[in-house]
Amino acid sequence: MCIRLSIFLAVLLVGCTTRGPAPQQFTAEEARIVNVAQREVARNGWGKATFERPERRSEGGWSVLGWSVPAKPGGHWVFIIDDHERVIQIMPGA
């Protein structure tokens, strides 16, 4: 009985471990947009950041969500980037 309980607990613990997210794989175009946002974070001295996959906007350009590393309340931004790879708006987290 004790051995079965030990095996059950071991399987349960292994199944409950968390794994970090898989690294993002961006297309070449998406990588250029993320690079624009990364440069803006560095230019403003906001530290390190990670980025989600950029999304094409219906009115043209891109939006990309960035998160500060380490995570902190309000530590995110939405960057609006035009088709010429210029940042036209930054919406910081609240």
Protein backbone atom coordinates (compact mmCIF):
# COMPACT_ATOMS: atom_id res chain seq x y z
CA MET A 1 0.00 0.00 0.00
CA CYS A 2 2.79 2.43 0.90
CA ILE A 3 4.57 1.75 -2.39
CA ARG A 4 1.39 2.40 -4.40
CA LEU A 5 0.81 5.65 -2.55
CA SER A 6 4.42 6.72 -3.18
CA ILE A 7 4.11 5.95 -6.90
CA PHE A 8 0.80 7.82 -7.09
CA LEU A 9 2.27 10.89 -5.38
CA ALA A 10 5.34 10.83 -7.62
CA VAL A 11 3.19 10.70 -10.77
CA LEU A 12 0.96 13.46 -9.42
CA LEU A 13 3.90 15.74 -8.63
CA VAL A 14 5.54 15.21 -12.02
CA GLY A 15 2.24 15.98 -13.76
CA CYS A 16 1.83 19.22 -11.82
CA THR A 17 5.22 20.74 -12.56
CA THR A 18 5.13 23.93 -14.57
CA ARG A 19 7.16 24.48 -17.67
CA GLY A 20 8.07 27.83 -19.08
CA PRO A 21 6.44 28.95 -22.31
CA ALA A 22 8.00 27.85 -25.55
CA PRO A 23 10.09 30.56 -27.20
CA GLN A 24 8.20 32.59 -29.77
CA GLN A 25 8.95 31.83 -33.39
CA PHE A 26 8.34 34.98 -35.43
CA THR A 27 8.31 35.39 -39.18
CA ALA A 28 10.97 37.72 -40.58
CA GLU A 29 8.41 40.55 -40.84
CA GLU A 30 7.14 39.98 -37.29
CA ALA A 31 10.73 39.89 -36.01
CA ARG A 32 11.40 43.32 -37.58
CA ILE A 33 8.32 44.73 -35.82
CA VAL A 34 9.34 43.22 -32.47
CA ASN A 35 12.81 44.71 -32.99
CA VAL A 36 11.26 48.16 -33.43
CA ALA A 37 9.40 47.74 -30.12
CA GLN A 38 12.55 46.43 -28.39
CA ARG A 39 14.50 49.50 -29.53
CA GLU A 40 11.76 51.74 -28.13
CA VAL A 41 11.91 49.96 -24.75
CA ALA A 42 15.71 50.39 -24.68
CA ARG A 43 15.51 54.04 -25.81
CA ASN A 44 13.15 54.82 -22.93
CA GLY A 45 15.25 52.91 -20.37
CA TRP A 46 12.44 50.54 -19.43
CA GLY A 47 14.74 47.53 -18.90
CA LYS A 48 14.15 44.09 -20.39
CA ALA A 49 10.95 43.01 -22.09
CA THR A 50 9.38 40.07 -23.86
CA PHE A 51 6.94 40.40 -26.72
CA GLU A 52 3.94 38.55 -28.00
CA ARG A 53 3.33 37.90 -31.68
CA PRO A 54 2.62 41.20 -33.50
CA GLU A 55 -0.83 41.55 -35.02
CA ARG A 56 -1.70 43.24 -38.30
CA ARG A 57 -4.16 46.11 -37.82
CA SER A 58 -7.13 46.50 -40.16
CA GLU A 59 -6.26 50.17 -40.69
CA GLY A 60 -2.65 49.30 -41.53
CA GLY A 61 0.45 48.84 -39.46
CA TRP A 62 0.97 46.57 -36.49
CA SER A 63 0.26 46.31 -32.79
CA VAL A 64 2.54 44.39 -30.46
CA LEU A 65 2.19 43.71 -26.74
CA GLY A 66 5.35 43.87 -24.63
CA TRP A 67 5.82 42.74 -21.03
CA SER A 68 8.48 43.94 -18.60
CA VAL A 69 10.92 41.36 -17.24
CA PRO A 70 10.65 40.73 -14.35
CA ALA A 71 6.88 41.08 -14.36
CA LYS A 72 5.44 43.92 -12.31
CA PRO A 73 2.03 45.57 -12.00
CA GLY A 74 1.39 47.81 -14.99
CA GLY A 75 4.57 46.51 -16.62
CA HIS A 76 3.26 46.14 -20.13
CA TRP A 77 2.88 48.27 -23.24
CA VAL A 78 1.03 48.13 -26.51
CA PHE A 79 3.08 49.53 -29.35
CA ILE A 80 1.37 50.75 -32.51
CA ILE A 81 3.85 50.63 -35.38
CA ASP A 82 3.15 51.85 -38.90
CA ASP A 83 4.05 50.11 -42.16
CA HIS A 84 7.30 52.13 -42.32
CA GLU A 85 8.36 50.61 -38.98
CA ARG A 86 7.87 53.84 -37.02
CA VAL A 87 6.34 53.80 -33.54
CA ILE A 88 3.26 56.01 -33.76
CA GLN A 89 1.76 55.30 -30.33
CA ILE A 90 2.68 53.60 -27.04
CA MET A 91 -0.06 52.66 -24.60
CA PRO A 92 1.47 51.80 -21.21
CA GLY A 93 -0.17 49.47 -18.72
CA ALA A 94 -2.10 50.97 -15.86
